[in-house]
Amino acid sequence: MGKGQNEGGFSEDQLQMYKDCFKLMDINKDGQLDKNDLRGAFDNVGVLMSEGELDGLLGEIGGACTYDNMVKMFQEKMAVIGNDSDDLNRPGFQGLRPGGQD
């Protein structure tokens, strides 16, 4: 586990970034991301997603797409592919942050 990382491998700054992005994507503020939330998030960054692509993304979570389940999925993907957590998630989230950058 790297410096400043919790037991899941993410730093507090990374977890806060995920939380901020989740809140931005959760358009209806119900604590879960659904297809409409994801569609809106991708539309906001100029990416049109098909129903199948949205279903595929939600299917990767393995249950309700809550903040905790989303972070768990990121942790599992990191464990499988062995990437640095910043490299795994930064490209997808950059467009959702105000200003589009860290």
PDB file of N, CA and C in Angstrom:
ATOM      1  N   MET A   1       0.849  -1.171   0.000  1.00  0.00           N
ATOM      2  CA  MET A   1       0.000   0.000   0.000  1.00  0.00           C
ATOM      3  C   MET A   1       0.894   1.233   0.000  1.00  0.00           C
ATOM      4  N   GLY A   2       0.649   2.154  -0.921  1.00  0.00           N
ATOM      5  CA  GLY A   2       1.475   3.340  -1.068  1.00  0.00           C
ATOM      6  C   GLY A   2       1.221   4.379  -0.002  1.00  0.00           C
ATOM      7  N   LYS A   3       2.101   5.354   0.015  1.00  0.00           N
ATOM      8  CA  LYS A   3       2.011   6.440   0.979  1.00  0.00           C
ATOM      9  C   LYS A   3       0.682   7.180   0.834  1.00  0.00           C
ATOM     10  N   GLY A   4      -0.009   7.379   1.956  1.00  0.00           N
ATOM     11  CA  GLY A   4      -1.252   8.119   1.946  1.00  0.00           C
ATOM     12  C   GLY A   4      -2.445   7.335   1.422  1.00  0.00           C
ATOM     13  N   GLN A   5      -2.278   6.022   1.238  1.00  0.00           N
ATOM     14  CA  GLN A   5      -3.374   5.218   0.717  1.00  0.00           C
ATOM     15  C   GLN A   5      -4.053   4.467   1.846  1.00  0.00           C
ATOM     16  N   ASN A   6      -5.369   4.269   1.700  1.00  0.00           N
ATOM     17  CA  ASN A   6      -6.098   3.491   2.680  1.00  0.00           C
ATOM     18  C   ASN A   6      -6.001   2.016   2.320  1.00  0.00           C
ATOM     19  N   GLU A   7      -6.724   1.169   3.036  1.00  0.00           N
ATOM     20  CA  GLU A   7      -6.600  -0.268   2.815  1.00  0.00           C
ATOM     21  C   GLU A   7      -7.075  -0.697   1.427  1.00  0.00           C
ATOM     22  N   GLY A   8      -7.901   0.100   0.761  1.00  0.00           N
ATOM     23  CA  GLY A   8      -8.357  -0.228  -0.581  1.00  0.00           C
ATOM     24  C   GLY A   8      -7.400   0.222  -1.661  1.00  0.00           C
ATOM     25  N   GLY A   9      -6.326   0.915  -1.290  1.00  0.00           N
ATOM     26  CA  GLY A   9      -5.332   1.333  -2.260  1.00  0.00           C
ATOM     27  C   GLY A   9      -5.503   2.741  -2.786  1.00  0.00           C
ATOM     28  N   PHE A  10      -6.520   3.466  -2.329  1.00  0.00           N
ATOM     29  CA  PHE A  10      -6.757   4.824  -2.780  1.00  0.00           C
ATOM     30  C   PHE A  10      -6.397   5.816  -1.687  1.00  0.00           C
ATOM     31  N   SER A  11      -5.870   6.949  -2.102  1.00  0.00           N
ATOM     32  CA  SER A  11      -5.591   8.012  -1.134  1.00  0.00           C
ATOM     33  C   SER A  11      -6.893   8.720  -0.777  1.00  0.00           C
ATOM     34  N   GLU A  12      -6.865   9.482   0.285  1.00  0.00           N
ATOM     35  CA  GLU A  12      -8.048  10.254   0.675  1.00  0.00           C
ATOM     36  C   GLU A  12      -8.418  11.252  -0.423  1.00  0.00           C
ATOM     37  N   ASP A  13      -7.432  11.837  -1.089  1.00  0.00           N
ATOM     38  CA  ASP A  13      -7.704  12.766  -2.187  1.00  0.00           C
ATOM     39  C   ASP A  13      -8.425  12.057  -3.336  1.00  0.00           C
ATOM     40  N   GLN A  14      -7.982  10.840  -3.648  1.00  0.00           N
ATOM     41  CA  GLN A  14      -8.629  10.088  -4.716  1.00  0.00           C
ATOM     42  C   GLN A  14     -10.070   9.757  -4.352  1.00  0.00           C
ATOM     43  N   LEU A  15     -10.273   9.304  -3.112  1.00  0.00           N
ATOM     44  CA  LEU A  15     -11.629   8.981  -2.684  1.00  0.00           C
ATOM     45  C   LEU A  15     -12.531  10.207  -2.721  1.00  0.00           C
ATOM     46  N   GLN A  16     -11.986  11.354  -2.370  1.00  0.00           N
ATOM     47  CA  GLN A  16     -12.778  12.580  -2.426  1.00  0.00           C
ATOM     48  C   GLN A  16     -13.119  12.930  -3.877  1.00  0.00           C
ATOM     49  N   MET A  17     -12.179  12.730  -4.783  1.00  0.00           N
ATOM     50  CA  MET A  17     -12.447  12.973  -6.201  1.00  0.00           C
ATOM     51  C   MET A  17     -13.570  12.061  -6.686  1.00  0.00           C
ATOM     52  N   TYR A  18     -13.528  10.769  -6.324  1.00  0.00           N
ATOM     53  CA  TYR A  18     -14.574   9.840  -6.722  1.00  0.00           C
ATOM     54  C   TYR A  18     -15.923  10.276  -6.157  1.00  0.00           C
ATOM     55  N   LYS A  19     -15.912  10.692  -4.891  1.00  0.00           N
ATOM     56  CA  LYS A  19     -17.151  11.121  -4.247  1.00  0.00           C
ATOM     57  C   LYS A  19     -17.721  12.357  -4.947  1.00  0.00           C
ATOM     58  N   ASP A  20     -16.864  13.314  -5.261  1.00  0.00           N
ATOM     59  CA  ASP A  20     -17.305  14.529  -5.956  1.00  0.00           C
ATOM     60  C   ASP A  20     -17.883  14.196  -7.327  1.00  0.00           C
ATOM     61  N   CYS A  21     -17.199  13.320  -8.054  1.00  0.00           N
ATOM     62  CA  CYS A  21     -17.674  12.934  -9.382  1.00  0.00           C
ATOM     63  C   CYS A  21     -18.987  12.166  -9.294  1.00  0.00           C
ATOM     64  N   PHE A  22     -19.091  11.294  -8.300  1.00  0.00           N
ATOM     65  CA  PHE A  22     -20.334  10.538  -8.124  1.00  0.00           C
ATOM     66  C   PHE A  22     -21.494  11.503  -7.887  1.00  0.00           C
ATOM     67  N   LYS A  23     -21.282  12.495  -7.032  1.00  0.00           N
ATOM     68  CA  LYS A  23     -22.336  13.469  -6.748  1.00  0.00           C
ATOM     69  C   LYS A  23     -22.732  14.242  -8.006  1.00  0.00           C
ATOM     70  N   LEU A  24     -21.747  14.581  -8.852  1.00  0.00           N
ATOM     71  CA  LEU A  24     -22.054  15.265 -10.105  1.00  0.00           C
ATOM     72  C   LEU A  24     -22.878  14.389 -11.045  1.00  0.00           C
ATOM     73  N   MET A  25     -22.564  13.099 -11.081  1.00  0.00           N
ATOM     74  CA  MET A  25     -23.262  12.194 -11.987  1.00  0.00           C
ATOM     75  C   MET A  25     -24.649  11.812 -11.476  1.00  0.00           C
ATOM     76  N   ASP A  26     -24.848  11.824 -10.160  1.00  0.00           N
ATOM     77  CA  ASP A  26     -26.128  11.411  -9.561  1.00  0.00           C
ATOM     78  C   ASP A  26     -27.147  12.540  -9.711  1.00  0.00           C
ATOM     79  N   ILE A  27     -27.672  12.664 -10.913  1.00  0.00           N
ATOM     80  CA  ILE A  27     -28.539  13.786 -11.268  1.00  0.00           C
ATOM     81  C   ILE A  27     -29.787  13.841 -10.396  1.00  0.00           C
ATOM     82  N   ASN A  28     -30.409  12.698 -10.139  1.00  0.00           N
ATOM     83  CA  ASN A  28     -31.638  12.697  -9.346  1.00  0.00           C
ATOM     84  C   ASN A  28     -31.383  12.601  -7.839  1.00  0.00           C
ATOM     85  N   LYS A  29     -30.125  12.577  -7.450  1.00  0.00           N
ATOM     86  CA  LYS A  29     -29.695  12.620  -6.039  1.00  0.00           C
ATOM     87  C   LYS A  29     -30.306  11.527  -5.168  1.00  0.00           C
ATOM     88  N   ASP A  30     -30.427  10.307  -5.757  1.00  0.00           N
ATOM     89  CA  ASP A  30     -30.977   9.194  -4.980  1.00  0.00           C
ATOM     90  C   ASP A  30     -29.897   8.282  -4.406  1.00  0.00           C
ATOM     91  N   GLY A  31     -28.620   8.625  -4.622  1.00  0.00           N
ATOM     92  CA  GLY A  31     -27.529   7.827  -4.064  1.00  0.00           C
ATOM     93  C   GLY A  31     -27.130   6.641  -4.919  1.00  0.00           C
ATOM     94  N   GLN A  32     -27.753   6.495  -6.096  1.00  0.00           N
ATOM     95  CA  GLN A  32     -27.413   5.426  -7.029  1.00  0.00           C
ATOM     96  C   GLN A  32     -27.373   6.004  -8.433  1.00  0.00           C
ATOM     97  N   LEU A  33     -26.412   5.518  -9.212  1.00  0.00           N
ATOM     98  CA  LEU A  33     -26.355   5.915 -10.607  1.00  0.00           C
ATOM     99  C   LEU A  33     -27.167   4.925 -11.434  1.00  0.00           C
ATOM    100  N   ASP A  34     -28.064   5.467 -12.242  1.00  0.00           N
ATOM    101  CA  ASP A  34     -28.819   4.638 -13.172  1.00  0.00           C
ATOM    102  C   ASP A  34     -28.465   5.066 -14.593  1.00  0.00           C
ATOM    103  N   LYS A  35     -29.129   4.461 -15.569  1.00  0.00           N
ATOM    104  CA  LYS A  35     -28.804   4.777 -16.962  1.00  0.00           C
ATOM    105  C   LYS A  35     -28.993   6.257 -17.277  1.00  0.00           C
ATOM    106  N   ASN A  36     -30.033   6.853 -16.750  1.00  0.00           N
ATOM    107  CA  ASN A  36     -30.275   8.272 -17.025  1.00  0.00           C
ATOM    108  C   ASN A  36     -29.166   9.139 -16.449  1.00  0.00           C
ATOM    109  N   ASP A  37     -28.688   8.793 -15.245  1.00  0.00           N
ATOM    110  CA  ASP A  37     -27.579   9.533 -14.638  1.00  0.00           C
ATOM    111  C   ASP A  37     -26.327   9.418 -15.500  1.00  0.00           C
ATOM    112  N   LEU A  38     -25.995   8.187 -15.898  1.00  0.00           N
ATOM    113  CA  LEU A  38     -24.800   7.973 -16.720  1.00  0.00           C
ATOM    114  C   LEU A  38     -24.928   8.648 -18.079  1.00  0.00           C
ATOM    115  N   ARG A  39     -26.096   8.526 -18.682  1.00  0.00           N
ATOM    116  CA  ARG A  39     -26.314   9.159 -19.983  1.00  0.00           C
ATOM    117  C   ARG A  39     -26.089  10.667 -19.869  1.00  0.00           C
ATOM    118  N   GLY A  40     -26.642  11.284 -18.836  1.00  0.00           N
ATOM    119  CA  GLY A  40     -26.463  12.721 -18.625  1.00  0.00           C
ATOM    120  C   GLY A  40     -25.009  13.095 -18.417  1.00  0.00           C
ATOM    121  N   ALA A  41     -24.290  12.278 -17.634  1.00  0.00           N
ATOM    122  CA  ALA A  41     -22.878  12.568 -17.372  1.00  0.00           C
ATOM    123  C   ALA A  41     -22.066  12.507 -18.659  1.00  0.00           C
ATOM    124  N   PHE A  42     -22.304  11.469 -19.461  1.00  0.00           N
ATOM    125  CA  PHE A  42     -21.571  11.352 -20.721  1.00  0.00           C
ATOM    126  C   PHE A  42     -21.993  12.429 -21.717  1.00  0.00           C
ATOM    127  N   ASP A  43     -23.281  12.733 -21.760  1.00  0.00           N
ATOM    128  CA  ASP A  43     -23.749  13.812 -22.641  1.00  0.00           C
ATOM    129  C   ASP A  43     -23.057  15.125 -22.298  1.00  0.00           C
ATOM    130  N   ASN A  44     -22.878  15.378 -20.999  1.00  0.00           N
ATOM    131  CA  ASN A  44     -22.244  16.624 -20.552  1.00  0.00           C
ATOM    132  C   ASN A  44     -20.809  16.778 -21.028  1.00  0.00           C
ATOM    133  N   VAL A  45     -20.155  15.657 -21.306  1.00  0.00           N
ATOM    134  CA  VAL A  45     -18.774  15.738 -21.800  1.00  0.00           C
ATOM    135  C   VAL A  45     -18.702  15.416 -23.296  1.00  0.00           C
ATOM    136  N   GLY A  46     -19.873  15.397 -23.959  1.00  0.00           N
ATOM    137  CA  GLY A  46     -19.908  15.238 -25.403  1.00  0.00           C
ATOM    138  C   GLY A  46     -19.767  13.821 -25.913  1.00  0.00           C
ATOM    139  N   VAL A  47     -20.079  12.833 -25.087  1.00  0.00           N
ATOM    140  CA  VAL A  47     -19.975  11.435 -25.499  1.00  0.00           C
ATOM    141  C   VAL A  47     -21.375  10.823 -25.502  1.00  0.00           C
ATOM    142  N   LEU A  48     -21.820  10.377 -26.666  1.00  0.00           N
ATOM    143  CA  LEU A  48     -23.117   9.720 -26.770  1.00  0.00           C
ATOM    144  C   LEU A  48     -22.936   8.227 -26.548  1.00  0.00           C
ATOM    145  N   MET A  49     -23.691   7.687 -25.608  1.00  0.00           N
ATOM    146  CA  MET A  49     -23.587   6.268 -25.265  1.00  0.00           C
ATOM    147  C   MET A  49     -24.854   5.550 -25.690  1.00  0.00           C
ATOM    148  N   SER A  50     -24.694   4.348 -26.239  1.00  0.00           N
ATOM    149  CA  SER A  50     -25.848   3.529 -26.607  1.00  0.00           C
ATOM    150  C   SER A  50     -26.416   2.862 -25.355  1.00  0.00           C
ATOM    151  N   GLU A  51     -27.630   2.345 -25.489  1.00  0.00           N
ATOM    152  CA  GLU A  51     -28.250   1.609 -24.377  1.00  0.00           C
ATOM    153  C   GLU A  51     -27.359   0.444 -23.948  1.00  0.00           C
ATOM    154  N   GLY A  52     -26.810  -0.259 -24.940  1.00  0.00           N
ATOM    155  CA  GLY A  52     -25.942  -1.400 -24.641  1.00  0.00           C
ATOM    156  C   GLY A  52     -24.688  -1.004 -23.886  1.00  0.00           C
ATOM    157  N   GLU A  53     -24.094   0.121 -24.276  1.00  0.00           N
ATOM    158  CA  GLU A  53     -22.893   0.588 -23.581  1.00  0.00           C
ATOM    159  C   GLU A  53     -23.216   0.980 -22.148  1.00  0.00           C
ATOM    160  N   LEU A  54     -24.343   1.647 -21.945  1.00  0.00           N
ATOM    161  CA  LEU A  54     -24.746   2.020 -20.588  1.00  0.00           C
ATOM    162  C   LEU A  54     -25.033   0.778 -19.748  1.00  0.00           C
ATOM    163  N   ASP A  55     -25.725  -0.189 -20.347  1.00  0.00           N
ATOM    164  CA  ASP A  55     -25.984  -1.449 -19.638  1.00  0.00           C
ATOM    165  C   ASP A  55     -24.678  -2.143 -19.268  1.00  0.00           C
ATOM    166  N   GLY A  56     -23.720  -2.127 -20.193  1.00  0.00           N
ATOM    167  CA  GLY A  56     -22.429  -2.748 -19.931  1.00  0.00           C
ATOM    168  C   GLY A  56     -21.691  -2.099 -18.780  1.00  0.00           C
ATOM    169  N   LEU A  57     -21.710  -0.766 -18.755  1.00  0.00           N
ATOM    170  CA  LEU A  57     -21.059  -0.055 -17.649  1.00  0.00           C
ATOM    171  C   LEU A  57     -21.709  -0.391 -16.315  1.00  0.00           C
ATOM    172  N   LEU A  58     -23.036  -0.349 -16.284  1.00  0.00           N
ATOM    173  CA  LEU A  58     -23.736  -0.658 -15.036  1.00  0.00           C
ATOM    174  C   LEU A  58     -23.547  -2.115 -14.642  1.00  0.00           C
ATOM    175  N   GLY A  59     -23.423  -2.998 -15.627  1.00  0.00           N
ATOM    176  CA  GLY A  59     -23.216  -4.413 -15.347  1.00  0.00           C
ATOM    177  C   GLY A  59     -21.876  -4.705 -14.687  1.00  0.00           C
ATOM    178  N   GLU A  60     -20.901  -3.832 -14.906  1.00  0.00           N
ATOM    179  CA  GLU A  60     -19.579  -4.027 -14.288  1.00  0.00           C
ATOM    180  C   GLU A  60     -19.610  -3.821 -12.779  1.00  0.00           C
ATOM    181  N   ILE A  61     -20.606  -3.122 -12.297  1.00  0.00           N
ATOM    182  CA  ILE A  61     -20.686  -2.825 -10.865  1.00  0.00           C
ATOM    183  C   ILE A  61     -21.089  -4.055 -10.070  1.00  0.00           C
ATOM    184  N   GLY A  62     -21.968  -4.892 -10.606  1.00  0.00           N
ATOM    185  CA  GLY A  62     -22.395  -6.094  -9.898  1.00  0.00           C
ATOM    186  C   GLY A  62     -23.378  -5.797  -8.787  1.00  0.00           C
ATOM    187  N   GLY A  63     -24.352  -4.979  -9.053  1.00  0.00           N
ATOM    188  CA  GLY A  63     -25.363  -4.581  -8.076  1.00  0.00           C
ATOM    189  C   GLY A  63     -25.720  -3.136  -8.298  1.00  0.00           C
ATOM    190  N   ALA A  64     -26.360  -2.552  -7.311  1.00  0.00           N
ATOM    191  CA  ALA A  64     -26.724  -1.138  -7.416  1.00  0.00           C
ATOM    192  C   ALA A  64     -25.461  -0.295  -7.554  1.00  0.00           C
ATOM    193  N   CYS A  65     -25.497   0.712  -8.396  1.00  0.00           N
ATOM    194  CA  CYS A  65     -24.331   1.568  -8.608  1.00  0.00           C
ATOM    195  C   CYS A  65     -24.326   2.692  -7.574  1.00  0.00           C
ATOM    196  N   THR A  66     -23.941   2.321  -6.360  1.00  0.00           N
ATOM    197  CA  THR A  66     -23.767   3.282  -5.287  1.00  0.00           C
ATOM    198  C   THR A  66     -22.312   3.747  -5.285  1.00  0.00           C
ATOM    199  N   TYR A  67     -22.031   4.780  -4.529  1.00  0.00           N
ATOM    200  CA  TYR A  67     -20.645   5.245  -4.411  1.00  0.00           C
ATOM    201  C   TYR A  67     -19.742   4.105  -3.931  1.00  0.00           C
ATOM    202  N   ASP A  68     -20.146   3.411  -2.877  1.00  0.00           N
ATOM    203  CA  ASP A  68     -19.313   2.339  -2.321  1.00  0.00           C
ATOM    204  C   ASP A  68     -19.072   1.228  -3.332  1.00  0.00           C
ATOM    205  N   ASN A  69     -20.113   0.837  -4.069  1.00  0.00           N
ATOM    206  CA  ASN A  69     -19.950  -0.223  -5.068  1.00  0.00           C
ATOM    207  C   ASN A  69     -19.079   0.233  -6.233  1.00  0.00           C
ATOM    208  N   MET A  70     -19.169   1.518  -6.579  1.00  0.00           N
ATOM    209  CA  MET A  70     -18.332   2.045  -7.651  1.00  0.00           C
ATOM    210  C   MET A  70     -16.854   1.987  -7.239  1.00  0.00           C
ATOM    211  N   VAL A  71     -16.546   2.400  -6.022  1.00  0.00           N
ATOM    212  CA  VAL A  71     -15.163   2.361  -5.539  1.00  0.00           C
ATOM    213  C   VAL A  71     -14.681   0.914  -5.451  1.00  0.00           C
ATOM    214  N   LYS A  72     -15.533   0.020  -4.993  1.00  0.00           N
ATOM    215  CA  LYS A  72     -15.172  -1.401  -4.912  1.00  0.00           C
ATOM    216  C   LYS A  72     -14.824  -1.941  -6.304  1.00  0.00           C
ATOM    217  N   MET A  73     -15.606  -1.554  -7.319  1.00  0.00           N
ATOM    218  CA  MET A  73     -15.332  -1.997  -8.690  1.00  0.00           C
ATOM    219  C   MET A  73     -13.977  -1.475  -9.156  1.00  0.00           C
ATOM    220  N   PHE A  74     -13.675  -0.189  -8.852  1.00  0.00           N
ATOM    221  CA  PHE A  74     -12.375   0.369  -9.207  1.00  0.00           C
ATOM    222  C   PHE A  74     -11.255  -0.423  -8.526  1.00  0.00           C
ATOM    223  N   GLN A  75     -11.438  -0.775  -7.259  1.00  0.00           N
ATOM    224  CA  GLN A  75     -10.423  -1.538  -6.529  1.00  0.00           C
ATOM    225  C   GLN A  75     -10.214  -2.901  -7.168  1.00  0.00           C
ATOM    226  N   GLU A  76     -11.306  -3.555  -7.548  1.00  0.00           N
ATOM    227  CA  GLU A  76     -11.199  -4.874  -8.176  1.00  0.00           C
ATOM    228  C   GLU A  76     -10.491  -4.781  -9.530  1.00  0.00           C
ATOM    229  N   LYS A  77     -10.810  -3.761 -10.300  1.00  0.00           N
ATOM    230  CA  LYS A  77     -10.149  -3.588 -11.598  1.00  0.00           C
ATOM    231  C   LYS A  77      -8.658  -3.328 -11.423  1.00  0.00           C
ATOM    232  N   MET A  78      -8.300  -2.534 -10.428  1.00  0.00           N
ATOM    233  CA  MET A  78      -6.886  -2.279 -10.162  1.00  0.00           C
ATOM    234  C   MET A  78      -6.162  -3.562  -9.793  1.00  0.00           C
ATOM    235  N   ALA A  79      -6.803  -4.395  -8.981  1.00  0.00           N
ATOM    236  CA  ALA A  79      -6.169  -5.636  -8.545  1.00  0.00           C
ATOM    237  C   ALA A  79      -5.930  -6.570  -9.724  1.00  0.00           C
ATOM    238  N   VAL A  80      -6.846  -6.576 -10.683  1.00  0.00           N
ATOM    239  CA  VAL A  80      -6.732  -7.475 -11.831  1.00  0.00           C
ATOM    240  C   VAL A  80      -5.705  -6.978 -12.829  1.00  0.00           C
ATOM    241  N   ILE A  81      -5.755  -5.692 -13.165  1.00  0.00           N
ATOM    242  CA  ILE A  81      -4.861  -5.194 -14.205  1.00  0.00           C
ATOM    243  C   ILE A  81      -3.586  -4.578 -13.656  1.00  0.00           C
ATOM    244  N   GLY A  82      -3.529  -4.355 -12.350  1.00  0.00           N
ATOM    245  CA  GLY A  82      -2.304  -3.884 -11.726  1.00  0.00           C
ATOM    246  C   GLY A  82      -1.913  -2.464 -12.061  1.00  0.00           C
ATOM    247  N   ASN A  83      -2.851  -1.648 -12.504  1.00  0.00           N
ATOM    248  CA  ASN A  83      -2.537  -0.261 -12.832  1.00  0.00           C
ATOM    249  C   ASN A  83      -2.516   0.617 -11.599  1.00  0.00           C
ATOM    250  N   ASP A  84      -1.817   1.720 -11.728  1.00  0.00           N
ATOM    251  CA  ASP A  84      -1.865   2.760 -10.719  1.00  0.00           C
ATOM    252  C   ASP A  84      -3.274   3.324 -10.696  1.00  0.00           C
ATOM    253  N   SER A  85      -3.817   3.583  -9.521  1.00  0.00           N
ATOM    254  CA  SER A  85      -5.195   4.051  -9.413  1.00  0.00           C
ATOM    255  C   SER A  85      -5.413   5.362 -10.146  1.00  0.00           C
ATOM    256  N   ASP A  86      -4.419   6.235 -10.190  1.00  0.00           N
ATOM    257  CA  ASP A  86      -4.577   7.488 -10.928  1.00  0.00           C
ATOM    258  C   ASP A  86      -4.724   7.216 -12.418  1.00  0.00           C
ATOM    259  N   ASP A  87      -3.916   6.307 -12.946  1.00  0.00           N
ATOM    260  CA  ASP A  87      -3.970   5.995 -14.372  1.00  0.00           C
ATOM    261  C   ASP A  87      -5.289   5.333 -14.744  1.00  0.00           C
ATOM    262  N   LEU A  88      -5.850   4.520 -13.856  1.00  0.00           N
ATOM    263  CA  LEU A  88      -7.074   3.791 -14.135  1.00  0.00           C
ATOM    264  C   LEU A  88      -8.268   4.721 -14.267  1.00  0.00           C
ATOM    265  N   ASN A  89      -8.378   5.725 -13.417  1.00  0.00           N
ATOM    266  CA  ASN A  89      -9.605   6.491 -13.323  1.00  0.00           C
ATOM    267  C   ASN A  89      -9.533   7.924 -13.820  1.00  0.00           C
ATOM    268  N   ARG A  90      -8.385   8.507 -13.859  1.00  0.00           N
ATOM    269  CA  ARG A  90      -8.285   9.920 -14.206  1.00  0.00           C
ATOM    270  C   ARG A  90      -8.905  10.268 -15.562  1.00  0.00           C
ATOM    271  N   PRO A  91      -8.638   9.520 -16.646  1.00  0.00           N
ATOM    272  CA  PRO A  91      -9.201   9.937 -17.928  1.00  0.00           C
ATOM    273  C   PRO A  91     -10.724  10.000 -17.928  1.00  0.00           C
ATOM    274  N   GLY A  92     -11.376   9.071 -17.292  1.00  0.00           N
ATOM    275  CA  GLY A  92     -12.826   9.049 -17.290  1.00  0.00           C
ATOM    276  C   GLY A  92     -13.444  10.154 -16.462  1.00  0.00           C
ATOM    277  N   PHE A  93     -12.767  10.547 -15.409  1.00  0.00           N
ATOM    278  CA  PHE A  93     -13.332  11.546 -14.518  1.00  0.00           C
ATOM    279  C   PHE A  93     -12.930  12.969 -14.860  1.00  0.00           C
ATOM    280  N   GLN A  94     -11.863  13.179 -15.596  1.00  0.00           N
ATOM    281  CA  GLN A  94     -11.401  14.532 -15.858  1.00  0.00           C
ATOM    282  C   GLN A  94     -12.476  15.402 -16.500  1.00  0.00           C
ATOM    283  N   GLY A  95     -13.210  14.839 -17.413  1.00  0.00           N
ATOM    284  CA  GLY A  95     -14.231  15.604 -18.091  1.00  0.00           C
ATOM    285  C   GLY A  95     -15.409  15.980 -17.202  1.00  0.00           C
ATOM    286  N   LEU A  96     -15.560  15.293 -16.076  1.00  0.00           N
ATOM    287  CA  LEU A  96     -16.689  15.535 -15.190  1.00  0.00           C
ATOM    288  C   LEU A  96     -16.372  16.553 -14.113  1.00  0.00           C
ATOM    289  N   ARG A  97     -15.107  16.873 -13.928  1.00  0.00           N
ATOM    290  CA  ARG A  97     -14.711  17.856 -12.909  1.00  0.00           C
ATOM    291  C   ARG A  97     -14.787  19.253 -13.489  1.00  0.00           C
ATOM    292  N   PRO A  98     -15.146  20.234 -12.671  1.00  0.00           N
ATOM    293  CA  PRO A  98     -15.154  21.611 -13.155  1.00  0.00           C
ATOM    294  C   PRO A  98     -13.772  21.979 -13.723  1.00  0.00           C
ATOM    295  N   GLY A  99     -13.733  22.496 -14.911  1.00  0.00           N
ATOM    296  CA  GLY A  99     -12.468  22.831 -15.564  1.00  0.00           C
ATOM    297  C   GLY A  99     -11.843  21.665 -16.293  1.00  0.00           C
ATOM    298  N   GLY A 100     -12.349  20.451 -16.062  1.00  0.00           N
ATOM    299  CA  GLY A 100     -11.868  19.277 -16.780  1.00  0.00           C
ATOM    300  C   GLY A 100     -10.501  18.792 -16.394  1.00  0.00           C
ATOM    301  N   GLN A 101      -9.940  19.274 -15.290  1.00  0.00           N
ATOM    302  CA  GLN A 101      -8.596  18.874 -14.880  1.00  0.00           C
ATOM    303  C   GLN A 101      -8.542  18.723 -13.380  1.00  0.00           C
ATOM    304  N   ASP A 102      -7.439  18.117 -12.923  1.00  0.00           N
ATOM    305  CA  ASP A 102      -7.160  18.033 -11.488  1.00  0.00           C
ATOM    306  C   ASP A 102      -6.809  19.381 -10.948  1.00  0.00           C
TER     307      ASP A 102
END
